[in-house]
Amino acid sequence: MNRKISTLFMLMTSAVFLSALLIPTVLAEKPTPVTGTWSWWADGFSVRFADGNMFVSATEYDTFSGTFSGAGEGPFTMTIHPAGYITGIGRTTFSGSVGEKSGTLVIQWTGNTRALGKWDCKWVILSGTGDLANLRGSGRGVETEPGSFLLDLSGTLRS
């Protein structure tokens, strides 16, 4: 009886050990820091008012330099609140390169002017194509001066 239990224990231990060897190992790449700038201008404005807020929708046209090098375009909406601060959300389709790789990225951003008095946003990569299809990343953009439409970018990327 003890021999059967011992054999069974050895078989189970061996099976667990072999299973662990067969599990694919994921090698995480070191994150790449993001630096550079993101400037934009807009066109095609529509405005509406509700509850003291002004809602502005338009299409933004972007220029990226630094880690991201290229141009983008996409819709955004900003809300100008009665207290004077602005909140917004947008999605730009970037075409260009990141390092030696090229393709497109869909980048979503959300931001506000509440804390700094200048535009402060968070961005995240939602998807990509071409050499950028597996690129993931997120970070922050902070306007260099209020009303400059130029953001200093920071964050990290992983492929």
Protein backbone atom coordinates (compact mmCIF):
# COMPACT_ATOMS: atom_id res chain seq x y z
CA MET A 1 0.00 0.00 0.00
CA ASN A 2 2.79 2.44 0.93
CA ARG A 3 4.58 1.58 -2.29
CA LYS A 4 1.46 2.40 -4.36
CA ILE A 5 1.08 5.76 -2.57
CA SER A 6 4.78 6.51 -3.06
CA THR A 7 4.59 5.64 -6.77
CA LEU A 8 1.43 7.68 -7.21
CA PHE A 9 3.07 10.64 -5.43
CA MET A 10 6.13 10.42 -7.70
CA LEU A 11 3.96 10.25 -10.82
CA MET A 12 1.92 13.26 -9.74
CA THR A 13 5.05 15.26 -8.83
CA SER A 14 6.62 14.38 -12.19
CA ALA A 15 3.46 15.39 -14.05
CA VAL A 16 3.34 18.77 -12.27
CA PHE A 17 7.04 19.35 -12.95
CA LEU A 18 6.73 18.44 -16.65
CA SER A 19 3.63 20.62 -17.00
CA ALA A 20 5.55 23.57 -15.60
CA LEU A 21 8.27 23.02 -18.20
CA LEU A 22 5.73 22.95 -21.00
CA ILE A 23 4.03 26.21 -20.03
CA PRO A 24 5.26 28.88 -22.46
CA THR A 25 7.49 31.46 -20.87
CA VAL A 26 6.60 35.07 -21.54
CA LEU A 27 9.65 37.26 -21.81
CA ALA A 28 8.63 40.81 -21.01
CA GLU A 29 10.46 43.42 -23.00
CA LYS A 30 11.87 46.36 -21.12
CA PRO A 31 9.50 49.35 -21.51
CA THR A 32 10.64 52.13 -23.85
CA PRO A 33 10.28 55.66 -22.48
CA VAL A 34 8.29 58.18 -24.50
CA THR A 35 9.62 61.70 -25.04
CA GLY A 36 8.76 64.40 -27.53
CA THR A 37 5.95 66.76 -28.41
CA TRP A 38 2.39 66.62 -29.70
CA SER A 39 1.01 69.77 -31.30
CA TRP A 40 -2.46 70.21 -32.74
CA TRP A 41 -4.90 72.54 -34.40
CA ALA A 42 -8.61 72.04 -35.09
CA ASP A 43 -11.24 72.69 -37.75
CA GLY A 44 -14.93 72.01 -38.35
CA PHE A 45 -16.20 73.30 -35.02
CA SER A 46 -19.72 72.79 -33.75
CA VAL A 47 -20.89 74.33 -30.49
CA ARG A 48 -23.89 73.71 -28.26
CA PHE A 49 -24.86 74.91 -24.78
CA ALA A 50 -26.50 73.04 -21.90
CA ASP A 51 -26.65 73.57 -18.13
CA GLY A 52 -24.19 76.46 -18.30
CA ASN A 53 -21.60 74.36 -20.15
CA MET A 54 -20.34 74.95 -23.67
CA PHE A 55 -19.70 71.74 -25.65
CA VAL A 56 -17.27 72.09 -28.55
CA SER A 57 -16.76 69.31 -31.10
CA ALA A 58 -14.26 69.43 -33.95
CA THR A 59 -11.60 67.51 -35.83
CA GLU A 60 -8.04 67.80 -34.60
CA TYR A 61 -4.95 67.66 -36.81
CA ASP A 62 -1.81 66.53 -34.99
CA THR A 63 1.94 66.66 -35.47
CA PHE A 64 4.12 64.36 -33.38
CA SER A 65 7.89 64.58 -32.94
CA GLY A 66 10.28 62.62 -30.76
CA THR A 67 9.49 59.00 -29.96
CA PHE A 68 6.41 59.32 -32.19
CA SER A 69 7.19 60.91 -35.55
CA GLY A 70 4.27 61.61 -37.84
CA ALA A 71 0.83 63.12 -38.12
CA GLY A 72 -2.64 62.35 -36.83
CA GLU A 73 -6.27 63.26 -37.25
CA GLY A 74 -9.44 62.58 -35.32
CA PRO A 75 -12.56 63.83 -33.56
CA PHE A 76 -12.65 65.41 -30.12
CA THR A 77 -15.14 67.04 -27.76
CA MET A 78 -14.32 69.61 -25.10
CA THR A 79 -16.56 70.97 -22.39
CA ILE A 80 -15.97 74.48 -21.12
CA HIS A 81 -17.44 74.56 -17.63
CA PRO A 82 -18.97 77.64 -15.95
CA ALA A 83 -16.18 77.55 -13.35
CA GLY A 84 -13.68 78.21 -16.17
CA TYR A 85 -11.89 74.90 -16.56
CA ILE A 86 -12.05 72.64 -19.62
CA THR A 87 -12.40 68.87 -19.92
CA GLY A 88 -12.10 66.84 -23.10
CA ILE A 89 -11.82 63.51 -24.84
CA GLY A 90 -10.57 62.64 -28.30
CA ARG A 91 -9.25 59.90 -30.51
CA THR A 92 -6.57 60.45 -33.12
CA THR A 93 -5.33 58.11 -35.81
CA PHE A 94 -1.55 58.54 -35.96
CA SER A 95 0.38 57.65 -39.12
CA GLY A 96 4.13 57.56 -38.90
CA SER A 97 6.96 55.85 -37.13
CA VAL A 98 8.01 54.88 -33.65
CA GLY A 99 11.73 54.21 -33.74
CA GLU A 100 12.48 52.05 -36.79
CA LYS A 101 8.90 50.77 -37.09
CA SER A 102 6.09 52.39 -39.07
CA GLY A 103 2.32 52.06 -39.34
CA THR A 104 -0.74 53.58 -37.73
CA LEU A 105 -1.92 53.86 -34.14
CA VAL A 106 -5.29 54.77 -32.67
CA ILE A 107 -4.57 56.92 -29.61
CA GLN A 108 -7.29 57.99 -27.20
CA TRP A 109 -6.78 60.90 -24.84
CA THR A 110 -8.69 62.48 -21.98
CA GLY A 111 -7.68 65.74 -20.38
CA ASN A 112 -8.49 68.87 -18.47
CA THR A 113 -7.14 72.24 -17.39
CA ARG A 114 -8.40 71.94 -13.83
CA ALA A 115 -5.20 71.43 -11.81
CA LEU A 116 -2.53 73.20 -13.87
CA GLY A 117 -4.49 75.91 -15.69
CA LYS A 118 -3.06 74.44 -18.88
CA TRP A 119 -3.94 71.32 -20.82
CA ASP A 120 -3.00 68.10 -18.98
CA CYS A 121 -4.02 64.83 -20.61
CA LYS A 122 -3.58 61.09 -20.37
CA TRP A 123 -3.19 59.08 -23.57
CA VAL A 124 -3.36 55.37 -24.35
CA ILE A 125 -2.74 53.37 -27.51
CA LEU A 126 -5.88 51.42 -28.41
CA SER A 127 -4.68 49.62 -31.56
CA GLY A 128 -2.14 49.68 -34.36
CA THR A 129 -1.37 48.43 -37.87
CA GLY A 130 1.75 47.57 -39.84
CA ASP A 131 4.93 47.35 -37.77
CA LEU A 132 3.05 49.07 -34.92
CA ALA A 133 0.29 46.44 -34.67
CA ASN A 134 1.54 45.04 -31.35
CA LEU A 135 2.68 48.31 -29.82
CA ARG A 136 1.02 49.21 -26.53
CA GLY A 137 1.61 52.21 -24.36
CA SER A 138 0.26 55.05 -22.31
CA GLY A 139 1.38 58.28 -20.79
CA ARG A 140 0.77 61.93 -20.23
CA GLY A 141 0.88 65.14 -22.22
CA VAL A 142 1.21 68.53 -20.54
CA GLU A 143 0.81 71.81 -22.41
CA THR A 144 4.04 73.82 -22.42
CA GLU A 145 2.14 77.10 -21.83
CA PRO A 146 -1.60 77.77 -21.54
CA GLY A 147 -3.10 78.12 -25.02
CA SER A 148 0.07 76.96 -26.84
CA PHE A 149 -1.50 73.80 -28.32
CA LEU A 150 1.88 72.11 -27.76
CA LEU A 151 2.17 69.20 -25.33
CA ASP A 152 5.32 67.69 -23.85
CA LEU A 153 4.86 63.90 -23.97
CA SER A 154 5.94 61.29 -21.47
CA GLY A 155 5.02 57.65 -20.92
CA THR A 156 6.12 54.13 -21.77
CA LEU A 157 5.76 51.74 -24.70
CA ARG A 158 5.83 47.94 -24.93
CA SER A 159 5.66 45.72 -27.96
